[in-house]
Each structure stands twice: as structure tokens, then as C-alpha cells.
Amino acid sequence: MEFGVLGPLRVVEDGTEIRLTARRHRALVAALLLRRGKTVFPSTLIESIWGEDAPESAASVLRLYVSQVRRLLPPGRLTRSQTGYALAVEPGEFDLDVFERLL
């Protein structure tokens, strides 16, 4: 799997791009990628997705977005714990990590 944020957000599995067509789906994935491998509190994701304009229903809408994105990704990549969500990214899969390592 490949994740890219240098340029447009890209998620590629076995050479095929996973289309994240919804803007807020992309915002969710980007927020998780920037905190890859760490559990991210829902409040942090809500702030990342909506900023100060979060709707009253943001927590339930976030759960919907997570469910929708989870179906697009391979099993086990987007996980939930008691405190939040995490995106599993293996070494070499994230273009920013590769860039920083080569730099």
C-alpha cells in the first residue's frame, strides 16, 4: 500500500488508486496520516475536518466517515480503540516518511 501527501492526497493498493472522492474523507485520511500509527482522539479529528465550524452532529458524522473510509481501505488499516482512531502505515508506505529519510 502507498500513501501520498506530497502533492494531491493519494492512497494506492496493488497499483490501483483508492478513490477518496469526498473532501472530508480525504481530510480524515490526511489527519490520520499525519499522526500515523498513533491513536487520534475524535475531537482532534473533528477539529482537523471542520475546524471551528463543526456541526452539532460532528461526532456521529465522524463515525460515519470512518465507517465509509474503512470500507475503502484493506482490512485492519483504519482501527478504533476506546480513545480514538488510528491508521496503520508500514515503513516505506508513506511518501513523507520516504522523503524525510532520503533528506
PDB file of N, CA and C in Angstrom:
ATOM      1  N   MET A   1       0.846  -1.164   0.000  1.00  0.00           N
ATOM      2  CA  MET A   1       0.000   0.000   0.000  1.00  0.00           C
ATOM      3  C   MET A   1       0.896   1.233   0.000  1.00  0.00           C
ATOM      4  N   GLU A   2       0.443   2.282  -0.656  1.00  0.00           N
ATOM      5  CA  GLU A   2       1.177   3.541  -0.704  1.00  0.00           C
ATOM      6  C   GLU A   2       0.247   4.675  -0.301  1.00  0.00           C
ATOM      7  N   PHE A   3       0.784   5.593   0.499  1.00  0.00           N
ATOM      8  CA  PHE A   3       0.062   6.797   0.903  1.00  0.00           C
ATOM      9  C   PHE A   3       0.891   7.990   0.482  1.00  0.00           C
ATOM     10  N   GLY A   4       0.255   8.975  -0.138  1.00  0.00           N
ATOM     11  CA  GLY A   4       0.979  10.153  -0.560  1.00  0.00           C
ATOM     12  C   GLY A   4       0.290  11.441  -0.165  1.00  0.00           C
ATOM     13  N   VAL A   5       1.058  12.363   0.400  1.00  0.00           N
ATOM     14  CA  VAL A   5       0.547  13.701   0.712  1.00  0.00           C
ATOM     15  C   VAL A   5       1.398  14.786   0.059  1.00  0.00           C
ATOM     16  N   LEU A   6       2.508  14.397  -0.545  1.00  0.00           N
ATOM     17  CA  LEU A   6       3.331  15.363  -1.262  1.00  0.00           C
ATOM     18  C   LEU A   6       2.718  15.518  -2.650  1.00  0.00           C
ATOM     19  N   GLY A   7       1.906  16.537  -2.794  1.00  0.00           N
ATOM     20  CA  GLY A   7       1.042  16.685  -3.967  1.00  0.00           C
ATOM     21  C   GLY A   7      -0.367  16.336  -3.518  1.00  0.00           C
ATOM     22  N   PRO A   8      -1.240  15.974  -4.436  1.00  0.00           N
ATOM     23  CA  PRO A   8      -2.597  15.590  -4.025  1.00  0.00           C
ATOM     24  C   PRO A   8      -2.558  14.320  -3.163  1.00  0.00           C
ATOM     25  N   LEU A   9      -3.480  14.216  -2.231  1.00  0.00           N
ATOM     26  CA  LEU A   9      -3.567  13.018  -1.393  1.00  0.00           C
ATOM     27  C   LEU A   9      -3.815  11.805  -2.276  1.00  0.00           C
ATOM     28  N   ARG A  10      -3.004  10.756  -2.070  1.00  0.00           N
ATOM     29  CA  ARG A  10      -3.163   9.519  -2.846  1.00  0.00           C
ATOM     30  C   ARG A  10      -3.076   8.330  -1.917  1.00  0.00           C
ATOM     31  N   VAL A  11      -3.942   7.357  -2.183  1.00  0.00           N
ATOM     32  CA  VAL A  11      -3.898   6.073  -1.498  1.00  0.00           C
ATOM     33  C   VAL A  11      -3.941   5.022  -2.606  1.00  0.00           C
ATOM     34  N   VAL A  12      -2.914   4.179  -2.657  1.00  0.00           N
ATOM     35  CA  VAL A  12      -2.785   3.193  -3.734  1.00  0.00           C
ATOM     36  C   VAL A  12      -2.609   1.811  -3.122  1.00  0.00           C
ATOM     37  N   GLU A  13      -3.387   0.858  -3.622  1.00  0.00           N
ATOM     38  CA  GLU A  13      -3.293  -0.532  -3.177  1.00  0.00           C
ATOM     39  C   GLU A  13      -3.061  -1.407  -4.401  1.00  0.00           C
ATOM     40  N   ASP A  14      -1.949  -2.141  -4.417  1.00  0.00           N
ATOM     41  CA  ASP A  14      -1.599  -3.030  -5.531  1.00  0.00           C
ATOM     42  C   ASP A  14      -1.668  -2.329  -6.882  1.00  0.00           C
ATOM     43  N   GLY A  15      -1.157  -1.098  -6.933  1.00  0.00           N
ATOM     44  CA  GLY A  15      -1.108  -0.356  -8.177  1.00  0.00           C
ATOM     45  C   GLY A  15      -2.402   0.336  -8.568  1.00  0.00           C
ATOM     46  N   THR A  16      -3.454   0.156  -7.804  1.00  0.00           N
ATOM     47  CA  THR A  16      -4.741   0.775  -8.109  1.00  0.00           C
ATOM     48  C   THR A  16      -5.049   1.852  -7.078  1.00  0.00           C
ATOM     49  N   GLU A  17      -5.348   3.049  -7.565  1.00  0.00           N
ATOM     50  CA  GLU A  17      -5.655   4.146  -6.657  1.00  0.00           C
ATOM     51  C   GLU A  17      -7.026   3.946  -6.023  1.00  0.00           C
ATOM     52  N   ILE A  18      -7.075   4.108  -4.718  1.00  0.00           N
ATOM     53  CA  ILE A  18      -8.336   4.078  -3.986  1.00  0.00           C
ATOM     54  C   ILE A  18      -8.886   5.490  -4.044  1.00  0.00           C
ATOM     55  N   ARG A  19     -10.044   5.623  -4.637  1.00  0.00           N
ATOM     56  CA  ARG A  19     -10.612   6.953  -4.854  1.00  0.00           C
ATOM     57  C   ARG A  19     -11.321   7.451  -3.604  1.00  0.00           C
ATOM     58  N   LEU A  20     -10.761   8.488  -3.034  1.00  0.00           N
ATOM     59  CA  LEU A  20     -11.387   9.179  -1.916  1.00  0.00           C
ATOM     60  C   LEU A  20     -12.001  10.446  -2.495  1.00  0.00           C
ATOM     61  N   THR A  21     -13.237  10.334  -2.973  1.00  0.00           N
ATOM     62  CA  THR A  21     -13.846  11.442  -3.701  1.00  0.00           C
ATOM     63  C   THR A  21     -14.424  12.516  -2.793  1.00  0.00           C
ATOM     64  N   ALA A  22     -14.818  12.147  -1.583  1.00  0.00           N
ATOM     65  CA  ALA A  22     -15.396  13.136  -0.668  1.00  0.00           C
ATOM     66  C   ALA A  22     -14.283  13.937   0.003  1.00  0.00           C
ATOM     67  N   ARG A  23     -14.437  15.234   0.003  1.00  0.00           N
ATOM     68  CA  ARG A  23     -13.426  16.127   0.580  1.00  0.00           C
ATOM     69  C   ARG A  23     -13.149  15.793   2.040  1.00  0.00           C
ATOM     70  N   ARG A  24     -14.183  15.506   2.792  1.00  0.00           N
ATOM     71  CA  ARG A  24     -13.987  15.226   4.218  1.00  0.00           C
ATOM     72  C   ARG A  24     -13.407  13.842   4.445  1.00  0.00           C
ATOM     73  N   HIS A  25     -13.607  12.910   3.526  1.00  0.00           N
ATOM     74  CA  HIS A  25     -12.916  11.618   3.619  1.00  0.00           C
ATOM     75  C   HIS A  25     -11.420  11.842   3.458  1.00  0.00           C
ATOM     76  N   ARG A  26     -11.058  12.686   2.500  1.00  0.00           N
ATOM     77  CA  ARG A  26      -9.638  12.997   2.295  1.00  0.00           C
ATOM     78  C   ARG A  26      -9.060  13.702   3.515  1.00  0.00           C
ATOM     79  N   ALA A  27      -9.826  14.612   4.105  1.00  0.00           N
ATOM     80  CA  ALA A  27      -9.360  15.315   5.303  1.00  0.00           C
ATOM     81  C   ALA A  27      -9.144  14.340   6.454  1.00  0.00           C
ATOM     82  N   LEU A  28     -10.038  13.371   6.601  1.00  0.00           N
ATOM     83  CA  LEU A  28      -9.899  12.352   7.645  1.00  0.00           C
ATOM     84  C   LEU A  28      -8.626  11.539   7.437  1.00  0.00           C
ATOM     85  N   VAL A  29      -8.420  11.050   6.230  1.00  0.00           N
ATOM     86  CA  VAL A  29      -7.234  10.240   5.941  1.00  0.00           C
ATOM     87  C   VAL A  29      -5.966  11.071   6.129  1.00  0.00           C
ATOM     88  N   ALA A  30      -5.967  12.304   5.661  1.00  0.00           N
ATOM     89  CA  ALA A  30      -4.783  13.157   5.823  1.00  0.00           C
ATOM     90  C   ALA A  30      -4.472  13.389   7.301  1.00  0.00           C
ATOM     91  N   ALA A  31      -5.504  13.659   8.099  1.00  0.00           N
ATOM     92  CA  ALA A  31      -5.283  13.882   9.534  1.00  0.00           C
ATOM     93  C   ALA A  31      -4.709  12.641  10.198  1.00  0.00           C
ATOM     94  N   LEU A  32      -5.201  11.479   9.814  1.00  0.00           N
ATOM     95  CA  LEU A  32      -4.681  10.230  10.383  1.00  0.00           C
ATOM     96  C   LEU A  32      -3.262   9.943   9.888  1.00  0.00           C
ATOM     97  N   LEU A  33      -2.995  10.234   8.623  1.00  0.00           N
ATOM     98  CA  LEU A  33      -1.646  10.010   8.083  1.00  0.00           C
ATOM     99  C   LEU A  33      -0.612  10.859   8.801  1.00  0.00           C
ATOM    100  N   LEU A  34      -0.956  12.089   9.083  1.00  0.00           N
ATOM    101  CA  LEU A  34      -0.002  12.976   9.741  1.00  0.00           C
ATOM    102  C   LEU A  34       0.279  12.545  11.178  1.00  0.00           C
ATOM    103  N   ARG A  35      -0.579  11.672  11.709  1.00  0.00           N
ATOM    104  CA  ARG A  35      -0.373  11.121  13.058  1.00  0.00           C
ATOM    105  C   ARG A  35      -0.267   9.593  12.974  1.00  0.00           C
ATOM    106  N   ARG A  36       0.238   9.127  11.861  1.00  0.00           N
ATOM    107  CA  ARG A  36       0.268   7.695  11.538  1.00  0.00           C
ATOM    108  C   ARG A  36       0.773   6.835  12.693  1.00  0.00           C
ATOM    109  N   GLY A  37       0.070   5.739  12.879  1.00  0.00           N
ATOM    110  CA  GLY A  37       0.463   4.792  13.907  1.00  0.00           C
ATOM    111  C   GLY A  37       0.075   5.191  15.312  1.00  0.00           C
ATOM    112  N   LYS A  38      -0.501   6.377  15.475  1.00  0.00           N
ATOM    113  CA  LYS A  38      -0.901   6.844  16.803  1.00  0.00           C
ATOM    114  C   LYS A  38      -2.419   6.923  16.864  1.00  0.00           C
ATOM    115  N   THR A  39      -2.947   6.707  18.043  1.00  0.00           N
ATOM    116  CA  THR A  39      -4.382   6.864  18.234  1.00  0.00           C
ATOM    117  C   THR A  39      -4.708   8.354  18.278  1.00  0.00           C
ATOM    118  N   VAL A  40      -5.710   8.740  17.498  1.00  0.00           N
ATOM    119  CA  VAL A  40      -6.102  10.141  17.397  1.00  0.00           C
ATOM    120  C   VAL A  40      -7.493  10.291  18.015  1.00  0.00           C
ATOM    121  N   PHE A  41      -7.611  11.204  18.960  1.00  0.00           N
ATOM    122  CA  PHE A  41      -8.893  11.449  19.612  1.00  0.00           C
ATOM    123  C   PHE A  41      -9.921  11.943  18.592  1.00  0.00           C
ATOM    124  N   PRO A  42     -11.175  11.548  18.740  1.00  0.00           N
ATOM    125  CA  PRO A  42     -12.217  12.073  17.848  1.00  0.00           C
ATOM    126  C   PRO A  42     -12.262  13.606  17.825  1.00  0.00           C
ATOM    127  N   SER A  43     -12.055  14.248  18.960  1.00  0.00           N
ATOM    128  CA  SER A  43     -12.085  15.717  18.994  1.00  0.00           C
ATOM    129  C   SER A  43     -11.001  16.318  18.108  1.00  0.00           C
ATOM    130  N   THR A  44      -9.848  15.672  18.051  1.00  0.00           N
ATOM    131  CA  THR A  44      -8.764  16.145  17.183  1.00  0.00           C
ATOM    132  C   THR A  44      -9.148  15.994  15.717  1.00  0.00           C
ATOM    133  N   LEU A  45      -9.774  14.868  15.386  1.00  0.00           N
ATOM    134  CA  LEU A  45     -10.206  14.654  14.002  1.00  0.00           C
ATOM    135  C   LEU A  45     -11.307  15.629  13.615  1.00  0.00           C
ATOM    136  N   ILE A  46     -12.225  15.885  14.529  1.00  0.00           N
ATOM    137  CA  ILE A  46     -13.299  16.844  14.251  1.00  0.00           C
ATOM    138  C   ILE A  46     -12.699  18.217  13.974  1.00  0.00           C
ATOM    139  N   GLU A  47     -11.728  18.616  14.768  1.00  0.00           N
ATOM    140  CA  GLU A  47     -11.053  19.904  14.550  1.00  0.00           C
ATOM    141  C   GLU A  47     -10.330  19.912  13.204  1.00  0.00           C
ATOM    142  N   SER A  48      -9.697  18.803  12.843  1.00  0.00           N
ATOM    143  CA  SER A  48      -8.980  18.716  11.574  1.00  0.00           C
ATOM    144  C   SER A  48      -9.922  18.774  10.375  1.00  0.00           C
ATOM    145  N   ILE A  49     -11.089  18.179  10.512  1.00  0.00           N
ATOM    146  CA  ILE A  49     -12.030  18.099   9.394  1.00  0.00           C
ATOM    147  C   ILE A  49     -12.855  19.377   9.245  1.00  0.00           C
ATOM    148  N   TRP A  50     -13.384  19.896  10.339  1.00  0.00           N
ATOM    149  CA  TRP A  50     -14.305  21.032  10.274  1.00  0.00           C
ATOM    150  C   TRP A  50     -13.729  22.336  10.806  1.00  0.00           C
ATOM    151  N   GLY A  51     -12.668  22.280  11.592  1.00  0.00           N
ATOM    152  CA  GLY A  51     -12.172  23.492  12.217  1.00  0.00           C
ATOM    153  C   GLY A  51     -13.181  24.009  13.229  1.00  0.00           C
ATOM    154  N   GLU A  52     -13.346  25.299  13.281  1.00  0.00           N
ATOM    155  CA  GLU A  52     -14.265  25.904  14.244  1.00  0.00           C
ATOM    156  C   GLU A  52     -15.724  25.792  13.823  1.00  0.00           C
ATOM    157  N   ASP A  53     -15.973  25.324  12.598  1.00  0.00           N
ATOM    158  CA  ASP A  53     -17.329  25.249  12.066  1.00  0.00           C
ATOM    159  C   ASP A  53     -17.938  23.858  12.202  1.00  0.00           C
ATOM    160  N   ALA A  54     -17.506  23.088  13.173  1.00  0.00           N
ATOM    161  CA  ALA A  54     -18.019  21.722  13.353  1.00  0.00           C
ATOM    162  C   ALA A  54     -19.505  21.759  13.690  1.00  0.00           C
ATOM    163  N   PRO A  55     -20.300  20.930  13.022  1.00  0.00           N
ATOM    164  CA  PRO A  55     -21.725  20.884  13.336  1.00  0.00           C
ATOM    165  C   PRO A  55     -21.971  20.175  14.664  1.00  0.00           C
ATOM    166  N   GLU A  56     -23.150  20.342  15.209  1.00  0.00           N
ATOM    167  CA  GLU A  56     -23.531  19.662  16.458  1.00  0.00           C
ATOM    168  C   GLU A  56     -23.386  18.145  16.308  1.00  0.00           C
ATOM    169  N   SER A  57     -23.641  17.659  15.107  1.00  0.00           N
ATOM    170  CA  SER A  57     -23.625  16.216  14.841  1.00  0.00           C
ATOM    171  C   SER A  57     -22.246  15.703  14.440  1.00  0.00           C
ATOM    172  N   ALA A  58     -21.187  16.485  14.659  1.00  0.00           N
ATOM    173  CA  ALA A  58     -19.852  16.130  14.169  1.00  0.00           C
ATOM    174  C   ALA A  58     -19.389  14.754  14.639  1.00  0.00           C
ATOM    175  N   ALA A  59     -19.638  14.397  15.882  1.00  0.00           N
ATOM    176  CA  ALA A  59     -19.168  13.095  16.398  1.00  0.00           C
ATOM    177  C   ALA A  59     -19.822  11.944  15.649  1.00  0.00           C
ATOM    178  N   SER A  60     -21.122  12.031  15.411  1.00  0.00           N
ATOM    179  CA  SER A  60     -21.796  10.935  14.695  1.00  0.00           C
ATOM    180  C   SER A  60     -21.429  10.939  13.216  1.00  0.00           C
ATOM    181  N   VAL A  61     -21.246  12.116  12.637  1.00  0.00           N
ATOM    182  CA  VAL A  61     -20.826  12.185  11.234  1.00  0.00           C
ATOM    183  C   VAL A  61     -19.407  11.643  11.086  1.00  0.00           C
ATOM    184  N   LEU A  62     -18.541  11.932  12.044  1.00  0.00           N
ATOM    185  CA  LEU A  62     -17.183  11.381  12.024  1.00  0.00           C
ATOM    186  C   LEU A  62     -17.231   9.855  12.016  1.00  0.00           C
ATOM    187  N   ARG A  63     -18.066   9.269  12.847  1.00  0.00           N
ATOM    188  CA  ARG A  63     -18.186   7.799  12.861  1.00  0.00           C
ATOM    189  C   ARG A  63     -18.635   7.279  11.496  1.00  0.00           C
ATOM    190  N   LEU A  64     -19.542   7.994  10.847  1.00  0.00           N
ATOM    191  CA  LEU A  64     -19.986   7.608   9.508  1.00  0.00           C
ATOM    192  C   LEU A  64     -18.826   7.685   8.520  1.00  0.00           C
ATOM    193  N   TYR A  65     -18.066   8.784   8.553  1.00  0.00           N
ATOM    194  CA  TYR A  65     -16.919   8.926   7.651  1.00  0.00           C
ATOM    195  C   TYR A  65     -15.898   7.813   7.878  1.00  0.00           C
ATOM    196  N   VAL A  66     -15.621   7.506   9.134  1.00  0.00           N
ATOM    197  CA  VAL A  66     -14.667   6.439   9.447  1.00  0.00           C
ATOM    198  C   VAL A  66     -15.161   5.125   8.870  1.00  0.00           C
ATOM    199  N   SER A  67     -16.434   4.841   9.035  1.00  0.00           N
ATOM    200  CA  SER A  67     -17.007   3.601   8.503  1.00  0.00           C
ATOM    201  C   SER A  67     -16.880   3.548   6.981  1.00  0.00           C
ATOM    202  N   GLN A  68     -17.167   4.647   6.322  1.00  0.00           N
ATOM    203  CA  GLN A  68     -17.084   4.695   4.859  1.00  0.00           C
ATOM    204  C   GLN A  68     -15.648   4.532   4.375  1.00  0.00           C
ATOM    205  N   VAL A  69     -14.713   5.216   5.010  1.00  0.00           N
ATOM    206  CA  VAL A  69     -13.309   5.115   4.601  1.00  0.00           C
ATOM    207  C   VAL A  69     -12.762   3.732   4.924  1.00  0.00           C
ATOM    208  N   ARG A  70     -13.150   3.172   6.049  1.00  0.00           N
ATOM    209  CA  ARG A  70     -12.687   1.835   6.435  1.00  0.00           C
ATOM    210  C   ARG A  70     -13.056   0.811   5.362  1.00  0.00           C
ATOM    211  N   ARG A  71     -14.233   0.958   4.758  1.00  0.00           N
ATOM    212  CA  ARG A  71     -14.657   0.029   3.703  1.00  0.00           C
ATOM    213  C   ARG A  71     -13.811   0.161   2.444  1.00  0.00           C
ATOM    214  N   LEU A  72     -13.212   1.320   2.226  1.00  0.00           N
ATOM    215  CA  LEU A  72     -12.379   1.530   1.042  1.00  0.00           C
ATOM    216  C   LEU A  72     -10.969   0.987   1.221  1.00  0.00           C
ATOM    217  N   LEU A  73     -10.501   0.941   2.457  1.00  0.00           N
ATOM    218  CA  LEU A  73      -9.129   0.502   2.747  1.00  0.00           C
ATOM    219  C   LEU A  73      -9.085  -0.990   3.031  1.00  0.00           C
ATOM    220  N   PRO A  74      -7.912  -1.604   2.892  1.00  0.00           N
ATOM    221  CA  PRO A  74      -7.779  -3.014   3.256  1.00  0.00           C
ATOM    222  C   PRO A  74      -8.119  -3.225   4.737  1.00  0.00           C
ATOM    223  N   PRO A  75      -8.619  -4.403   5.074  1.00  0.00           N
ATOM    224  CA  PRO A  75      -8.975  -4.694   6.469  1.00  0.00           C
ATOM    225  C   PRO A  75      -7.814  -4.443   7.430  1.00  0.00           C
ATOM    226  N   GLY A  76      -8.144  -3.874   8.578  1.00  0.00           N
ATOM    227  CA  GLY A  76      -7.158  -3.657   9.624  1.00  0.00           C
ATOM    228  C   GLY A  76      -6.354  -2.381   9.505  1.00  0.00           C
ATOM    229  N   ARG A  77      -6.547  -1.613   8.449  1.00  0.00           N
ATOM    230  CA  ARG A  77      -5.759  -0.382   8.274  1.00  0.00           C
ATOM    231  C   ARG A  77      -6.278   0.762   9.141  1.00  0.00           C
ATOM    232  N   LEU A  78      -7.593   0.937   9.176  1.00  0.00           N
ATOM    233  CA  LEU A  78      -8.198   2.008   9.972  1.00  0.00           C
ATOM    234  C   LEU A  78      -8.878   1.361  11.166  1.00  0.00           C
ATOM    235  N   THR A  79      -8.313   1.583  12.341  1.00  0.00           N
ATOM    236  CA  THR A  79      -8.797   0.893  13.527  1.00  0.00           C
ATOM    237  C   THR A  79      -9.359   1.873  14.549  1.00  0.00           C
ATOM    238  N   ARG A  80     -10.175   1.320  15.427  1.00  0.00           N
ATOM    239  CA  ARG A  80     -10.771   2.104  16.510  1.00  0.00           C
ATOM    240  C   ARG A  80     -10.371   1.482  17.833  1.00  0.00           C
ATOM    241  N   SER A  81     -10.076   2.331  18.786  1.00  0.00           N
ATOM    242  CA  SER A  81      -9.824   1.889  20.152  1.00  0.00           C
ATOM    243  C   SER A  81     -10.799   2.640  21.052  1.00  0.00           C
ATOM    244  N   GLN A  82     -10.664   2.459  22.340  1.00  0.00           N
ATOM    245  CA  GLN A  82     -11.548   3.168  23.261  1.00  0.00           C
ATOM    246  C   GLN A  82     -11.339   4.670  23.218  1.00  0.00           C
ATOM    247  N   THR A  83     -10.158   5.112  22.830  1.00  0.00           N
ATOM    248  CA  THR A  83      -9.863   6.548  22.872  1.00  0.00           C
ATOM    249  C   THR A  83      -9.869   7.234  21.509  1.00  0.00           C
ATOM    250  N   GLY A  84      -9.925   6.482  20.416  1.00  0.00           N
ATOM    251  CA  GLY A  84      -9.919   7.141  19.121  1.00  0.00           C
ATOM    252  C   GLY A  84      -9.655   6.200  17.964  1.00  0.00           C
ATOM    253  N   TYR A  85      -9.074   6.761  16.910  1.00  0.00           N
ATOM    254  CA  TYR A  85      -8.849   6.040  15.662  1.00  0.00           C
ATOM    255  C   TYR A  85      -7.371   6.095  15.297  1.00  0.00           C
ATOM    256  N   ALA A  86      -6.931   5.087  14.535  1.00  0.00           N
ATOM    257  CA  ALA A  86      -5.545   5.055  14.072  1.00  0.00           C
ATOM    258  C   ALA A  86      -5.495   4.473  12.672  1.00  0.00           C
ATOM    259  N   LEU A  87      -4.511   4.921  11.912  1.00  0.00           N
ATOM    260  CA  LEU A  87      -4.266   4.403  10.575  1.00  0.00           C
ATOM    261  C   LEU A  87      -2.922   3.687  10.606  1.00  0.00           C
ATOM    262  N   ALA A  88      -2.941   2.404  10.286  1.00  0.00           N
ATOM    263  CA  ALA A  88      -1.713   1.607  10.273  1.00  0.00           C
ATOM    264  C   ALA A  88      -0.966   1.859   8.958  1.00  0.00           C
ATOM    265  N   VAL A  89       0.265   2.328   9.096  1.00  0.00           N
ATOM    266  CA  VAL A  89       1.111   2.618   7.945  1.00  0.00           C
ATOM    267  C   VAL A  89       2.446   1.918   8.176  1.00  0.00           C
ATOM    268  N   GLU A  90       2.812   1.070   7.247  1.00  0.00           N
ATOM    269  CA  GLU A  90       4.068   0.328   7.352  1.00  0.00           C
ATOM    270  C   GLU A  90       5.235   1.195   6.870  1.00  0.00           C
ATOM    271  N   PRO A  91       6.450   0.906   7.347  1.00  0.00           N
ATOM    272  CA  PRO A  91       7.627   1.656   6.875  1.00  0.00           C
ATOM    273  C   PRO A  91       7.729   1.603   5.348  1.00  0.00           C
ATOM    274  N   GLY A  92       7.999   2.762   4.759  1.00  0.00           N
ATOM    275  CA  GLY A  92       8.156   2.847   3.311  1.00  0.00           C
ATOM    276  C   GLY A  92       6.866   3.062   2.550  1.00  0.00           C
ATOM    277  N   GLU A  93       5.716   3.069   3.230  1.00  0.00           N
ATOM    278  CA  GLU A  93       4.439   3.240   2.540  1.00  0.00           C
ATOM    279  C   GLU A  93       4.012   4.703   2.401  1.00  0.00           C
ATOM    280  N   PHE A  94       4.581   5.578   3.199  1.00  0.00           N
ATOM    281  CA  PHE A  94       4.143   6.972   3.239  1.00  0.00           C
ATOM    282  C   PHE A  94       5.210   7.838   2.600  1.00  0.00           C
ATOM    283  N   ASP A  95       4.828   8.568   1.555  1.00  0.00           N
ATOM    284  CA  ASP A  95       5.817   9.345   0.804  1.00  0.00           C
ATOM    285  C   ASP A  95       6.548  10.380   1.660  1.00  0.00           C
ATOM    286  N   LEU A  96       5.895  10.948   2.649  1.00  0.00           N
ATOM    287  CA  LEU A  96       6.550  11.934   3.513  1.00  0.00           C
ATOM    288  C   LEU A  96       7.663  11.291   4.328  1.00  0.00           C
ATOM    289  N   ASP A  97       7.431  10.074   4.813  1.00  0.00           N
ATOM    290  CA  ASP A  97       8.481   9.353   5.546  1.00  0.00           C
ATOM    291  C   ASP A  97       9.672   9.057   4.633  1.00  0.00           C
ATOM    292  N   VAL A  98       9.374   8.614   3.414  1.00  0.00           N
ATOM    293  CA  VAL A  98      10.443   8.308   2.465  1.00  0.00           C
ATOM    294  C   VAL A  98      11.233   9.577   2.148  1.00  0.00           C
ATOM    295  N   PHE A  99      10.546  10.679   1.923  1.00  0.00           N
ATOM    296  CA  PHE A  99      11.205  11.955   1.647  1.00  0.00           C
ATOM    297  C   PHE A  99      12.111  12.371   2.796  1.00  0.00           C
ATOM    298  N   GLU A 100      11.582  12.320   4.026  1.00  0.00           N
ATOM    299  CA  GLU A 100      12.374  12.723   5.185  1.00  0.00           C
ATOM    300  C   GLU A 100      13.582  11.815   5.392  1.00  0.00           C
ATOM    301  N   ARG A 101      13.421  10.538   5.141  1.00  0.00           N
ATOM    302  CA  ARG A 101      14.542   9.615   5.276  1.00  0.00           C
ATOM    303  C   ARG A 101      15.618   9.902   4.243  1.00  0.00           C
ATOM    304  N   LEU A 102      15.218  10.210   3.015  1.00  0.00           N
ATOM    305  CA  LEU A 102      16.187  10.497   1.962  1.00  0.00           C
ATOM    306  C   LEU A 102      16.833  11.862   2.137  1.00  0.00           C
ATOM    307  N   LEU A 103      16.132  12.779   2.788  1.00  0.00           N
ATOM    308  CA  LEU A 103      16.654  14.116   3.001  1.00  0.00           C
ATOM    309  C   LEU A 103      17.813  14.053   3.980  1.00  0.00           C
TER     310      LEU A 103
END
